[in-house]
């Protein structure tokens, strides 16, 4: 498996995760909270079916902190598209600034430096 496989699995898992976390706000609005929880858990199952293999494959190529930061960057990108396209929300400039902070986090996680210990 390759680094690219890890990225694609993380993208897929984040698609499911974002819907599981926020899709019920639109699709199950006014429905019992227990139903929203059960549906979200069902969707999250597929997230984990992709997230666990992504981390197992990626851990051979990336460090644990790199995997985490990569996942967060993918999450913010997918969340932005989901917010605008599916939830019909307008993104504000603060979202851009927060996203740029994650890009800076990626820079620091992926540059080559010596460990602290």
PDB file of N, CA and C in Angstrom:
ATOM      1  N   UNK A   1       0.842  -1.185   0.000  1.00  0.00           N
ATOM      2  CA  UNK A   1       0.000   0.000   0.000  1.00  0.00           C
ATOM      3  C   UNK A   1       0.888   1.249   0.000  1.00  0.00           C
ATOM      4  N   UNK A   2       0.318   2.352  -0.402  1.00  0.00           N
ATOM      5  CA  UNK A   2       1.100   3.577  -0.560  1.00  0.00           C
ATOM      6  C   UNK A   2       0.584   4.708   0.329  1.00  0.00           C
ATOM      7  N   UNK A   3       1.323   5.794   0.317  1.00  0.00           N
ATOM      8  CA  UNK A   3       0.905   6.999   1.029  1.00  0.00           C
ATOM      9  C   UNK A   3      -0.408   7.520   0.455  1.00  0.00           C
ATOM     10  N   UNK A   4      -0.549   7.406  -0.862  1.00  0.00           N
ATOM     11  CA  UNK A   4      -1.766   7.886  -1.533  1.00  0.00           C
ATOM     12  C   UNK A   4      -2.991   7.117  -1.044  1.00  0.00           C
ATOM     13  N   UNK A   5      -2.827   5.824  -0.822  1.00  0.00           N
ATOM     14  CA  UNK A   5      -3.922   5.009  -0.302  1.00  0.00           C
ATOM     15  C   UNK A   5      -4.392   5.551   1.040  1.00  0.00           C
ATOM     16  N   UNK A   6      -3.442   5.901   1.889  1.00  0.00           N
ATOM     17  CA  UNK A   6      -3.780   6.477   3.197  1.00  0.00           C
ATOM     18  C   UNK A   6      -4.615   7.733   3.032  1.00  0.00           C
ATOM     19  N   UNK A   7      -4.192   8.621   2.157  1.00  0.00           N
ATOM     20  CA  UNK A   7      -4.910   9.881   1.945  1.00  0.00           C
ATOM     21  C   UNK A   7      -6.317   9.621   1.436  1.00  0.00           C
ATOM     22  N   UNK A   8      -6.476   8.729   0.460  1.00  0.00           N
ATOM     23  CA  UNK A   8      -7.806   8.448  -0.082  1.00  0.00           C
ATOM     24  C   UNK A   8      -8.722   7.799   0.955  1.00  0.00           C
ATOM     25  N   UNK A   9      -8.175   6.911   1.769  1.00  0.00           N
ATOM     26  CA  UNK A   9      -8.973   6.314   2.837  1.00  0.00           C
ATOM     27  C   UNK A   9      -9.391   7.365   3.862  1.00  0.00           C
ATOM     28  N   UNK A  10      -8.487   8.296   4.188  1.00  0.00           N
ATOM     29  CA  UNK A  10      -8.832   9.368   5.119  1.00  0.00           C
ATOM     30  C   UNK A  10      -9.904  10.281   4.535  1.00  0.00           C
ATOM     31  N   UNK A  11      -9.822  10.562   3.260  1.00  0.00           N
ATOM     32  CA  UNK A  11     -10.858  11.379   2.613  1.00  0.00           C
ATOM     33  C   UNK A  11     -12.200  10.667   2.700  1.00  0.00           C
ATOM     34  N   UNK A  12     -12.224   9.385   2.349  1.00  0.00           N
ATOM     35  CA  UNK A  12     -13.470   8.620   2.432  1.00  0.00           C
ATOM     36  C   UNK A  12     -14.030   8.571   3.835  1.00  0.00           C
ATOM     37  N   UNK A  13     -13.173   8.334   4.808  1.00  0.00           N
ATOM     38  CA  UNK A  13     -13.651   8.258   6.189  1.00  0.00           C
ATOM     39  C   UNK A  13     -14.205   9.598   6.648  1.00  0.00           C
ATOM     40  N   UNK A  14     -13.584  10.679   6.216  1.00  0.00           N
ATOM     41  CA  UNK A  14     -14.048  12.006   6.602  1.00  0.00           C
ATOM     42  C   UNK A  14     -15.377  12.374   5.953  1.00  0.00           C
ATOM     43  N   UNK A  15     -15.636  11.859   4.771  1.00  0.00           N
ATOM     44  CA  UNK A  15     -16.951  12.071   4.156  1.00  0.00           C
ATOM     45  C   UNK A  15     -18.038  11.474   5.044  1.00  0.00           C
ATOM     46  N   UNK A  16     -17.823  10.236   5.486  1.00  0.00           N
ATOM     47  CA  UNK A  16     -18.793   9.588   6.377  1.00  0.00           C
ATOM     48  C   UNK A  16     -18.870  10.295   7.721  1.00  0.00           C
ATOM     49  N   UNK A  17     -17.699  10.664   8.270  1.00  0.00           N
ATOM     50  CA  UNK A  17     -17.668  11.305   9.577  1.00  0.00           C
ATOM     51  C   UNK A  17     -18.433  12.625   9.564  1.00  0.00           C
ATOM     52  N   UNK A  18     -18.195  13.429   8.557  1.00  0.00           N
ATOM     53  CA  UNK A  18     -18.847  14.733   8.493  1.00  0.00           C
ATOM     54  C   UNK A  18     -20.357  14.577   8.399  1.00  0.00           C
ATOM     55  N   UNK A  19     -20.800  13.622   7.597  1.00  0.00           N
ATOM     56  CA  UNK A  19     -22.247  13.407   7.511  1.00  0.00           C
ATOM     57  C   UNK A  19     -22.793  12.876   8.843  1.00  0.00           C
ATOM     58  N   UNK A  20     -22.072  11.953   9.457  1.00  0.00           N
ATOM     59  CA  UNK A  20     -22.537  11.392  10.733  1.00  0.00           C
ATOM     60  C   UNK A  20     -22.650  12.480  11.798  1.00  0.00           C
ATOM     61  N   UNK A  21     -21.722  13.404  11.821  1.00  0.00           N
ATOM     62  CA  UNK A  21     -21.709  14.443  12.846  1.00  0.00           C
ATOM     63  C   UNK A  21     -22.721  15.546  12.579  1.00  0.00           C
ATOM     64  N   UNK A  22     -22.919  15.896  11.306  1.00  0.00           N
ATOM     65  CA  UNK A  22     -23.716  17.089  11.004  1.00  0.00           C
ATOM     66  C   UNK A  22     -24.919  16.851  10.098  1.00  0.00           C
ATOM     67  N   UNK A  23     -24.960  15.760   9.364  1.00  0.00           N
ATOM     68  CA  UNK A  23     -26.059  15.509   8.431  1.00  0.00           C
ATOM     69  C   UNK A  23     -27.411  15.416   9.103  1.00  0.00           C
ATOM     70  N   UNK A  24     -27.443  14.918  10.331  1.00  0.00           N
ATOM     71  CA  UNK A  24     -28.713  14.783  11.051  1.00  0.00           C
ATOM     72  C   UNK A  24     -29.345  16.140  11.346  1.00  0.00           C
ATOM     73  N   UNK A  25     -28.538  17.206  11.376  1.00  0.00           N
ATOM     74  CA  UNK A  25     -29.076  18.537  11.632  1.00  0.00           C
ATOM     75  C   UNK A  25     -30.038  18.968  10.526  1.00  0.00           C
ATOM     76  N   UNK A  26     -29.821  18.448   9.334  1.00  0.00           N
ATOM     77  CA  UNK A  26     -30.693  18.760   8.206  1.00  0.00           C
ATOM     78  C   UNK A  26     -31.705  17.636   7.976  1.00  0.00           C
ATOM     79  N   UNK A  27     -31.208  16.412   7.902  1.00  0.00           N
ATOM     80  CA  UNK A  27     -32.048  15.290   7.484  1.00  0.00           C
ATOM     81  C   UNK A  27     -32.963  14.754   8.571  1.00  0.00           C
ATOM     82  N   UNK A  28     -32.590  14.897   9.822  1.00  0.00           N
ATOM     83  CA  UNK A  28     -33.403  14.356  10.910  1.00  0.00           C
ATOM     84  C   UNK A  28     -33.904  15.467  11.837  1.00  0.00           C
ATOM     85  N   UNK A  29     -33.944  16.660  11.326  1.00  0.00           N
ATOM     86  CA  UNK A  29     -34.430  17.805  12.098  1.00  0.00           C
ATOM     87  C   UNK A  29     -35.863  17.530  12.543  1.00  0.00           C
ATOM     88  N   UNK A  30     -36.112  17.716  13.831  1.00  0.00           N
ATOM     89  CA  UNK A  30     -37.453  17.480  14.357  1.00  0.00           C
ATOM     90  C   UNK A  30     -37.744  16.028  14.690  1.00  0.00           C
ATOM     91  N   UNK A  31     -36.795  15.147  14.417  1.00  0.00           N
ATOM     92  CA  UNK A  31     -36.965  13.726  14.748  1.00  0.00           C
ATOM     93  C   UNK A  31     -36.359  13.473  16.124  1.00  0.00           C
ATOM     94  N   UNK A  32     -36.732  12.375  16.765  1.00  0.00           N
ATOM     95  CA  UNK A  32     -36.191  12.082  18.106  1.00  0.00           C
ATOM     96  C   UNK A  32     -34.663  11.982  18.098  1.00  0.00           C
ATOM     97  N   UNK A  33     -34.059  12.487  19.156  1.00  0.00           N
ATOM     98  CA  UNK A  33     -32.600  12.484  19.271  1.00  0.00           C
ATOM     99  C   UNK A  33     -32.039  11.066  19.235  1.00  0.00           C
ATOM    100  N   UNK A  34     -32.751  10.111  19.804  1.00  0.00           N
ATOM    101  CA  UNK A  34     -32.286   8.722  19.789  1.00  0.00           C
ATOM    102  C   UNK A  34     -32.180   8.211  18.354  1.00  0.00           C
ATOM    103  N   UNK A  35     -33.112   8.587  17.496  1.00  0.00           N
ATOM    104  CA  UNK A  35     -33.044   8.190  16.086  1.00  0.00           C
ATOM    105  C   UNK A  35     -31.808   8.817  15.431  1.00  0.00           C
ATOM    106  N   UNK A  36     -31.567  10.102  15.714  1.00  0.00           N
ATOM    107  CA  UNK A  36     -30.394  10.772  15.152  1.00  0.00           C
ATOM    108  C   UNK A  36     -29.106  10.090  15.609  1.00  0.00           C
ATOM    109  N   UNK A  37     -29.062   9.702  16.874  1.00  0.00           N
ATOM    110  CA  UNK A  37     -27.883   9.010  17.397  1.00  0.00           C
ATOM    111  C   UNK A  37     -27.681   7.677  16.693  1.00  0.00           C
ATOM    112  N   UNK A  38     -28.730   6.917  16.558  1.00  0.00           N
ATOM    113  CA  UNK A  38     -28.617   5.590  15.927  1.00  0.00           C
ATOM    114  C   UNK A  38     -28.207   5.700  14.459  1.00  0.00           C
ATOM    115  N   UNK A  39     -28.801   6.642  13.741  1.00  0.00           N
ATOM    116  CA  UNK A  39     -28.429   6.835  12.335  1.00  0.00           C
ATOM    117  C   UNK A  39     -26.969   7.277  12.240  1.00  0.00           C
ATOM    118  N   UNK A  40     -26.580   8.207  13.093  1.00  0.00           N
ATOM    119  CA  UNK A  40     -25.191   8.681  13.076  1.00  0.00           C
ATOM    120  C   UNK A  40     -24.212   7.561  13.402  1.00  0.00           C
ATOM    121  N   UNK A  41     -24.546   6.723  14.354  1.00  0.00           N
ATOM    122  CA  UNK A  41     -23.692   5.569  14.654  1.00  0.00           C
ATOM    123  C   UNK A  41     -23.582   4.638  13.448  1.00  0.00           C
ATOM    124  N   UNK A  42     -24.700   4.436  12.775  1.00  0.00           N
ATOM    125  CA  UNK A  42     -24.679   3.585  11.585  1.00  0.00           C
ATOM    126  C   UNK A  42     -23.761   4.142  10.505  1.00  0.00           C
ATOM    127  N   UNK A  43     -23.833   5.433  10.289  1.00  0.00           N
ATOM    128  CA  UNK A  43     -22.963   6.076   9.299  1.00  0.00           C
ATOM    129  C   UNK A  43     -21.510   6.032   9.776  1.00  0.00           C
ATOM    130  N   UNK A  44     -21.296   6.268  11.054  1.00  0.00           N
ATOM    131  CA  UNK A  44     -19.937   6.274  11.604  1.00  0.00           C
ATOM    132  C   UNK A  44     -19.266   4.907  11.480  1.00  0.00           C
ATOM    133  N   UNK A  45     -20.048   3.839  11.433  1.00  0.00           N
ATOM    134  CA  UNK A  45     -19.466   2.511  11.225  1.00  0.00           C
ATOM    135  C   UNK A  45     -18.619   2.497   9.959  1.00  0.00           C
ATOM    136  N   UNK A  46     -19.146   3.105   8.888  1.00  0.00           N
ATOM    137  CA  UNK A  46     -18.418   3.123   7.618  1.00  0.00           C
ATOM    138  C   UNK A  46     -17.199   4.046   7.691  1.00  0.00           C
ATOM    139  N   UNK A  47     -17.310   5.094   8.502  1.00  0.00           N
ATOM    140  CA  UNK A  47     -16.139   5.944   8.735  1.00  0.00           C
ATOM    141  C   UNK A  47     -15.005   5.109   9.312  1.00  0.00           C
ATOM    142  N   UNK A  48     -15.314   4.335  10.332  1.00  0.00           N
ATOM    143  CA  UNK A  48     -14.291   3.521  10.990  1.00  0.00           C
ATOM    144  C   UNK A  48     -13.757   2.427  10.081  1.00  0.00           C
ATOM    145  N   UNK A  49     -14.600   1.920   9.186  1.00  0.00           N
ATOM    146  CA  UNK A  49     -14.137   0.905   8.229  1.00  0.00           C
ATOM    147  C   UNK A  49     -13.057   1.455   7.301  1.00  0.00           C
ATOM    148  N   UNK A  50     -13.005   2.754   7.143  1.00  0.00           N
ATOM    149  CA  UNK A  50     -11.968   3.390   6.331  1.00  0.00           C
ATOM    150  C   UNK A  50     -10.864   4.013   7.183  1.00  0.00           C
ATOM    151  N   UNK A  51     -11.230   4.587   8.326  1.00  0.00           N
ATOM    152  CA  UNK A  51     -10.270   5.284   9.178  1.00  0.00           C
ATOM    153  C   UNK A  51      -9.231   4.325   9.775  1.00  0.00           C
ATOM    154  N   UNK A  52      -9.681   3.200  10.268  1.00  0.00           N
ATOM    155  CA  UNK A  52      -8.750   2.249  10.895  1.00  0.00           C
ATOM    156  C   UNK A  52      -7.724   1.736   9.890  1.00  0.00           C
ATOM    157  N   UNK A  53      -8.148   1.276   8.699  1.00  0.00           N
ATOM    158  CA  UNK A  53      -7.129   0.860   7.719  1.00  0.00           C
ATOM    159  C   UNK A  53      -6.220   2.023   7.280  1.00  0.00           C
ATOM    160  N   UNK A  54      -6.790   3.226   7.163  1.00  0.00           N
ATOM    161  CA  UNK A  54      -5.965   4.383   6.779  1.00  0.00           C
ATOM    162  C   UNK A  54      -4.844   4.588   7.783  1.00  0.00           C
ATOM    163  N   UNK A  55      -5.176   4.537   9.067  1.00  0.00           N
ATOM    164  CA  UNK A  55      -4.160   4.734  10.094  1.00  0.00           C
ATOM    165  C   UNK A  55      -3.159   3.584  10.133  1.00  0.00           C
ATOM    166  N   UNK A  56      -3.634   2.374   9.946  1.00  0.00           N
ATOM    167  CA  UNK A  56      -2.712   1.226   9.961  1.00  0.00           C
ATOM    168  C   UNK A  56      -1.746   1.274   8.794  1.00  0.00           C
ATOM    169  N   UNK A  57      -2.269   1.598   7.613  1.00  0.00           N
ATOM    170  CA  UNK A  57      -1.405   1.691   6.428  1.00  0.00           C
ATOM    171  C   UNK A  57      -0.485   2.896   6.560  1.00  0.00           C
ATOM    172  N   UNK A  58      -1.045   4.023   6.935  1.00  0.00           N
ATOM    173  CA  UNK A  58      -0.289   5.269   6.984  1.00  0.00           C
ATOM    174  C   UNK A  58       0.785   5.301   8.041  1.00  0.00           C
ATOM    175  N   UNK A  59       0.581   4.566   9.136  1.00  0.00           N
ATOM    176  CA  UNK A  59       1.550   4.582  10.231  1.00  0.00           C
ATOM    177  C   UNK A  59       2.910   4.063   9.795  1.00  0.00           C
ATOM    178  N   UNK A  60       2.972   3.302   8.748  1.00  0.00           N
ATOM    179  CA  UNK A  60       4.254   2.844   8.216  1.00  0.00           C
ATOM    180  C   UNK A  60       4.999   3.923   7.447  1.00  0.00           C
ATOM    181  N   UNK A  61       4.246   4.906   6.946  1.00  0.00           N
ATOM    182  CA  UNK A  61       4.830   5.988   6.151  1.00  0.00           C
ATOM    183  C   UNK A  61       4.904   7.307   6.915  1.00  0.00           C
ATOM    184  N   UNK A  62       3.927   7.552   7.787  1.00  0.00           N
ATOM    185  CA  UNK A  62       3.805   8.816   8.505  1.00  0.00           C
ATOM    186  C   UNK A  62       3.932   8.573   9.998  1.00  0.00           C
ATOM    187  N   UNK A  63       4.354   9.590  10.721  1.00  0.00           N
ATOM    188  CA  UNK A  63       4.359   9.503  12.173  1.00  0.00           C
ATOM    189  C   UNK A  63       2.925   9.681  12.678  1.00  0.00           C
ATOM    190  N   UNK A  64       2.683   9.334  13.909  1.00  0.00           N
ATOM    191  CA  UNK A  64       1.357   9.497  14.500  1.00  0.00           C
ATOM    192  C   UNK A  64       0.896  10.960  14.467  1.00  0.00           C
ATOM    193  N   UNK A  65       1.736  11.918  14.877  1.00  0.00           N
ATOM    194  CA  UNK A  65       1.315  13.322  14.782  1.00  0.00           C
ATOM    195  C   UNK A  65       1.036  13.772  13.342  1.00  0.00           C
ATOM    196  N   UNK A  66       1.805  13.269  12.388  1.00  0.00           N
ATOM    197  CA  UNK A  66       1.548  13.611  10.992  1.00  0.00           C
ATOM    198  C   UNK A  66       0.188  13.080  10.538  1.00  0.00           C
ATOM    199  N   UNK A  67      -0.136  11.860  10.928  1.00  0.00           N
ATOM    200  CA  UNK A  67      -1.450  11.296  10.576  1.00  0.00           C
ATOM    201  C   UNK A  67      -2.572  12.161  11.138  1.00  0.00           C
ATOM    202  N   UNK A  68      -2.419  12.610  12.375  1.00  0.00           N
ATOM    203  CA  UNK A  68      -3.454  13.413  13.023  1.00  0.00           C
ATOM    204  C   UNK A  68      -3.642  14.753  12.325  1.00  0.00           C
ATOM    205  N   UNK A  69      -2.562  15.443  12.039  1.00  0.00           N
ATOM    206  CA  UNK A  69      -2.661  16.743  11.384  1.00  0.00           C
ATOM    207  C   UNK A  69      -3.215  16.586   9.964  1.00  0.00           C
ATOM    208  N   UNK A  70      -2.776  15.545   9.252  1.00  0.00           N
ATOM    209  CA  UNK A  70      -3.303  15.285   7.916  1.00  0.00           C
ATOM    210  C   UNK A  70      -4.815  15.058   7.972  1.00  0.00           C
ATOM    211  N   UNK A  71      -5.263  14.295   8.960  1.00  0.00           N
ATOM    212  CA  UNK A  71      -6.689  14.035   9.120  1.00  0.00           C
ATOM    213  C   UNK A  71      -7.451  15.326   9.390  1.00  0.00           C
ATOM    214  N   UNK A  72      -6.893  16.209  10.200  1.00  0.00           N
ATOM    215  CA  UNK A  72      -7.564  17.470  10.511  1.00  0.00           C
ATOM    216  C   UNK A  72      -7.670  18.376   9.284  1.00  0.00           C
ATOM    217  N   UNK A  73      -6.642  18.388   8.466  1.00  0.00           N
ATOM    218  CA  UNK A  73      -6.673  19.203   7.251  1.00  0.00           C
ATOM    219  C   UNK A  73      -7.711  18.653   6.271  1.00  0.00           C
ATOM    220  N   UNK A  74      -7.759  17.354   6.122  1.00  0.00           N
ATOM    221  CA  UNK A  74      -8.774  16.741   5.266  1.00  0.00           C
ATOM    222  C   UNK A  74     -10.160  17.054   5.812  1.00  0.00           C
ATOM    223  N   UNK A  75     -10.312  16.957   7.122  1.00  0.00           N
ATOM    224  CA  UNK A  75     -11.605  17.233   7.756  1.00  0.00           C
ATOM    225  C   UNK A  75     -12.081  18.650   7.476  1.00  0.00           C
ATOM    226  N   UNK A  76     -11.208  19.634   7.611  1.00  0.00           N
ATOM    227  CA  UNK A  76     -11.637  21.024   7.413  1.00  0.00           C
ATOM    228  C   UNK A  76     -12.015  21.270   5.954  1.00  0.00           C
ATOM    229  N   UNK A  77     -11.313  20.639   5.029  1.00  0.00           N
ATOM    230  CA  UNK A  77     -11.645  20.776   3.618  1.00  0.00           C
ATOM    231  C   UNK A  77     -12.991  20.163   3.284  1.00  0.00           C
ATOM    232  N   UNK A  78     -13.218  18.951   3.771  1.00  0.00           N
ATOM    233  CA  UNK A  78     -14.494  18.283   3.522  1.00  0.00           C
ATOM    234  C   UNK A  78     -15.629  19.017   4.222  1.00  0.00           C
ATOM    235  N   UNK A  79     -15.376  19.491   5.432  1.00  0.00           N
ATOM    236  CA  UNK A  79     -16.395  20.239   6.158  1.00  0.00           C
ATOM    237  C   UNK A  79     -16.783  21.512   5.405  1.00  0.00           C
ATOM    238  N   UNK A  80     -15.812  22.194   4.809  1.00  0.00           N
ATOM    239  CA  UNK A  80     -16.102  23.415   4.053  1.00  0.00           C
ATOM    240  C   UNK A  80     -17.039  23.112   2.880  1.00  0.00           C
ATOM    241  N   UNK A  81     -16.721  22.078   2.125  1.00  0.00           N
ATOM    242  CA  UNK A  81     -17.568  21.705   0.984  1.00  0.00           C
ATOM    243  C   UNK A  81     -18.945  21.266   1.467  1.00  0.00           C
ATOM    244  N   UNK A  82     -18.987  20.446   2.501  1.00  0.00           N
ATOM    245  CA  UNK A  82     -20.248  19.963   3.061  1.00  0.00           C
ATOM    246  C   UNK A  82     -21.109  21.135   3.540  1.00  0.00           C
ATOM    247  N   UNK A  83     -20.494  22.086   4.220  1.00  0.00           N
ATOM    248  CA  UNK A  83     -21.225  23.242   4.746  1.00  0.00           C
ATOM    249  C   UNK A  83     -21.882  24.047   3.631  1.00  0.00           C
ATOM    250  N   UNK A  84     -21.134  24.294   2.584  1.00  0.00           N
ATOM    251  CA  UNK A  84     -21.636  25.129   1.494  1.00  0.00           C
ATOM    252  C   UNK A  84     -22.605  24.362   0.600  1.00  0.00           C
ATOM    253  N   UNK A  85     -22.214  23.174   0.171  1.00  0.00           N
ATOM    254  CA  UNK A  85     -23.004  22.431  -0.815  1.00  0.00           C
ATOM    255  C   UNK A  85     -24.220  21.757  -0.187  1.00  0.00           C
ATOM    256  N   UNK A  86     -24.025  21.056   0.906  1.00  0.00           N
ATOM    257  CA  UNK A  86     -25.120  20.253   1.476  1.00  0.00           C
ATOM    258  C   UNK A  86     -25.961  21.027   2.476  1.00  0.00           C
ATOM    259  N   UNK A  87     -25.293  21.755   3.362  1.00  0.00           N
ATOM    260  CA  UNK A  87     -26.022  22.461   4.425  1.00  0.00           C
ATOM    261  C   UNK A  87     -26.412  23.884   4.030  1.00  0.00           C
ATOM    262  N   UNK A  88     -25.918  24.345   2.866  1.00  0.00           N
ATOM    263  CA  UNK A  88     -26.250  25.683   2.349  1.00  0.00           C
ATOM    264  C   UNK A  88     -25.843  26.795   3.322  1.00  0.00           C
ATOM    265  N   UNK A  89     -24.681  26.639   3.933  1.00  0.00           N
ATOM    266  CA  UNK A  89     -24.144  27.624   4.867  1.00  0.00           C
ATOM    267  C   UNK A  89     -23.097  28.481   4.154  1.00  0.00           C
ATOM    268  N   UNK A  90     -23.003  29.711   4.551  1.00  0.00           N
ATOM    269  CA  UNK A  90     -21.994  30.604   4.011  1.00  0.00           C
ATOM    270  C   UNK A  90     -20.759  30.538   4.906  1.00  0.00           C
ATOM    271  N   UNK A  91     -19.595  30.390   4.283  1.00  0.00           N
ATOM    272  CA  UNK A  91     -18.355  30.393   5.055  1.00  0.00           C
ATOM    273  C   UNK A  91     -17.883  31.833   5.230  1.00  0.00           C
ATOM    274  N   UNK A  92     -17.404  32.141   6.395  1.00  0.00           N
ATOM    275  CA  UNK A  92     -16.903  33.478   6.733  1.00  0.00           C
ATOM    276  C   UNK A  92     -15.376  33.498   6.618  1.00  0.00           C
ATOM    277  N   UNK A  93     -14.805  34.673   6.637  1.00  0.00           N
ATOM    278  CA  UNK A  93     -13.349  34.822   6.548  1.00  0.00           C
ATOM    279  C   UNK A  93     -12.640  34.131   7.710  1.00  0.00           C
ATOM    280  N   UNK A  94     -13.257  34.077   8.866  1.00  0.00           N
ATOM    281  CA  UNK A  94     -12.629  33.399  10.005  1.00  0.00           C
ATOM    282  C   UNK A  94     -12.374  31.929   9.708  1.00  0.00           C
ATOM    283  N   UNK A  95     -13.221  31.323   8.891  1.00  0.00           N
ATOM    284  CA  UNK A  95     -13.009  29.930   8.496  1.00  0.00           C
ATOM    285  C   UNK A  95     -11.720  29.824   7.676  1.00  0.00           C
ATOM    286  N   UNK A  96     -11.500  30.781   6.793  1.00  0.00           N
ATOM    287  CA  UNK A  96     -10.265  30.806   6.004  1.00  0.00           C
ATOM    288  C   UNK A  96      -9.046  30.939   6.912  1.00  0.00           C
ATOM    289  N   UNK A  97      -9.113  31.856   7.867  1.00  0.00           N
ATOM    290  CA  UNK A  97      -7.973  32.057   8.770  1.00  0.00           C
ATOM    291  C   UNK A  97      -7.697  30.789   9.589  1.00  0.00           C
ATOM    292  N   UNK A  98      -8.748  30.156  10.073  1.00  0.00           N
ATOM    293  CA  UNK A  98      -8.575  28.918  10.838  1.00  0.00           C
ATOM    294  C   UNK A  98      -7.953  27.835   9.951  1.00  0.00           C
ATOM    295  N   UNK A  99      -8.396  27.768   8.710  1.00  0.00           N
ATOM    296  CA  UNK A  99      -7.849  26.779   7.778  1.00  0.00           C
ATOM    297  C   UNK A  99      -6.372  27.033   7.515  1.00  0.00           C
ATOM    298  N   UNK A 100      -6.003  28.287   7.387  1.00  0.00           N
ATOM    299  CA  UNK A 100      -4.592  28.618   7.179  1.00  0.00           C
ATOM    300  C   UNK A 100      -3.742  28.229   8.388  1.00  0.00           C
ATOM    301  N   UNK A 101      -4.314  28.304   9.570  1.00  0.00           N
ATOM    302  CA  UNK A 101      -3.596  27.838  10.764  1.00  0.00           C
ATOM    303  C   UNK A 101      -3.321  26.338  10.668  1.00  0.00           C
ATOM    304  N   UNK A 102      -4.259  25.583  10.114  1.00  0.00           N
ATOM    305  CA  UNK A 102      -4.035  24.150   9.926  1.00  0.00           C
ATOM    306  C   UNK A 102      -2.958  23.895   8.876  1.00  0.00           C
ATOM    307  N   UNK A 103      -2.916  24.719   7.848  1.00  0.00           N
ATOM    308  CA  UNK A 103      -1.844  24.595   6.855  1.00  0.00           C
ATOM    309  C   UNK A 103      -0.491  24.834   7.530  1.00  0.00           C
ATOM    310  N   UNK A 104      -0.436  25.816   8.401  1.00  0.00           N
ATOM    311  CA  UNK A 104       0.804  26.060   9.153  1.00  0.00           C
ATOM    312  C   UNK A 104       1.139  24.849  10.027  1.00  0.00           C
ATOM    313  N   UNK A 105       0.130  24.242  10.639  1.00  0.00           N
ATOM    314  CA  UNK A 105       0.365  23.040  11.448  1.00  0.00           C
ATOM    315  C   UNK A 105       0.949  21.931  10.583  1.00  0.00           C
ATOM    316  N   UNK A 106       0.447  21.776   9.380  1.00  0.00           N
ATOM    317  CA  UNK A 106       0.977  20.756   8.471  1.00  0.00           C
ATOM    318  C   UNK A 106       2.437  21.039   8.136  1.00  0.00           C
ATOM    319  N   UNK A 107       2.750  22.295   7.897  1.00  0.00           N
ATOM    320  CA  UNK A 107       4.136  22.655   7.610  1.00  0.00           C
ATOM    321  C   UNK A 107       5.056  22.183   8.740  1.00  0.00           C
ATOM    322  N   UNK A 108       4.677  22.498   9.965  1.00  0.00           N
ATOM    323  CA  UNK A 108       5.523  22.130  11.093  1.00  0.00           C
ATOM    324  C   UNK A 108       5.579  20.622  11.313  1.00  0.00           C
ATOM    325  N   UNK A 109       4.495  19.914  11.015  1.00  0.00           N
ATOM    326  CA  UNK A 109       4.484  18.463  11.231  1.00  0.00           C
ATOM    327  C   UNK A 109       5.283  17.710  10.170  1.00  0.00           C
ATOM    328  N   UNK A 110       5.342  18.250   8.957  1.00  0.00           N
ATOM    329  CA  UNK A 110       5.957  17.502   7.861  1.00  0.00           C
ATOM    330  C   UNK A 110       7.366  17.977   7.500  1.00  0.00           C
ATOM    331  N   UNK A 111       7.837  19.048   8.114  1.00  0.00           N
ATOM    332  CA  UNK A 111       9.216  19.447   7.846  1.00  0.00           C
ATOM    333  C   UNK A 111      10.134  18.489   8.587  1.00  0.00           C
ATOM    334  N   UNK A 112      11.332  18.373   8.119  1.00  0.00           N
ATOM    335  CA  UNK A 112      12.279  17.439   8.715  1.00  0.00           C
ATOM    336  C   UNK A 112      13.072  18.142   9.815  1.00  0.00           C
ATOM    337  N   UNK A 113      12.845  17.729  11.054  1.00  0.00           N
ATOM    338  CA  UNK A 113      13.594  18.246  12.203  1.00  0.00           C
ATOM    339  C   UNK A 113      13.964  17.089  13.099  1.00  0.00           C
ATOM    340  N   UNK A 114      14.863  17.352  14.007  1.00  0.00           N
ATOM    341  CA  UNK A 114      15.261  16.315  14.954  1.00  0.00           C
ATOM    342  C   UNK A 114      14.240  16.224  16.080  1.00  0.00           C
ATOM    343  N   UNK A 115      14.028  15.020  16.622  1.00  0.00           N
ATOM    344  CA  UNK A 115      13.086  14.845  17.729  1.00  0.00           C
ATOM    345  C   UNK A 115      13.510  15.605  18.981  1.00  0.00           C
ATOM    346  N   UNK A 116      12.551  15.852  19.873  1.00  0.00           N
ATOM    347  CA  UNK A 116      12.820  16.568  21.125  1.00  0.00           C
ATOM    348  C   UNK A 116      13.693  15.748  22.077  1.00  0.00           C
ATOM    349  N   UNK A 117      13.545  14.445  22.048  1.00  0.00           N
ATOM    350  CA  UNK A 117      14.303  13.626  23.022  1.00  0.00           C
ATOM    351  C   UNK A 117      15.673  13.280  22.547  1.00  0.00           C
TER     352      UNK A 117
END
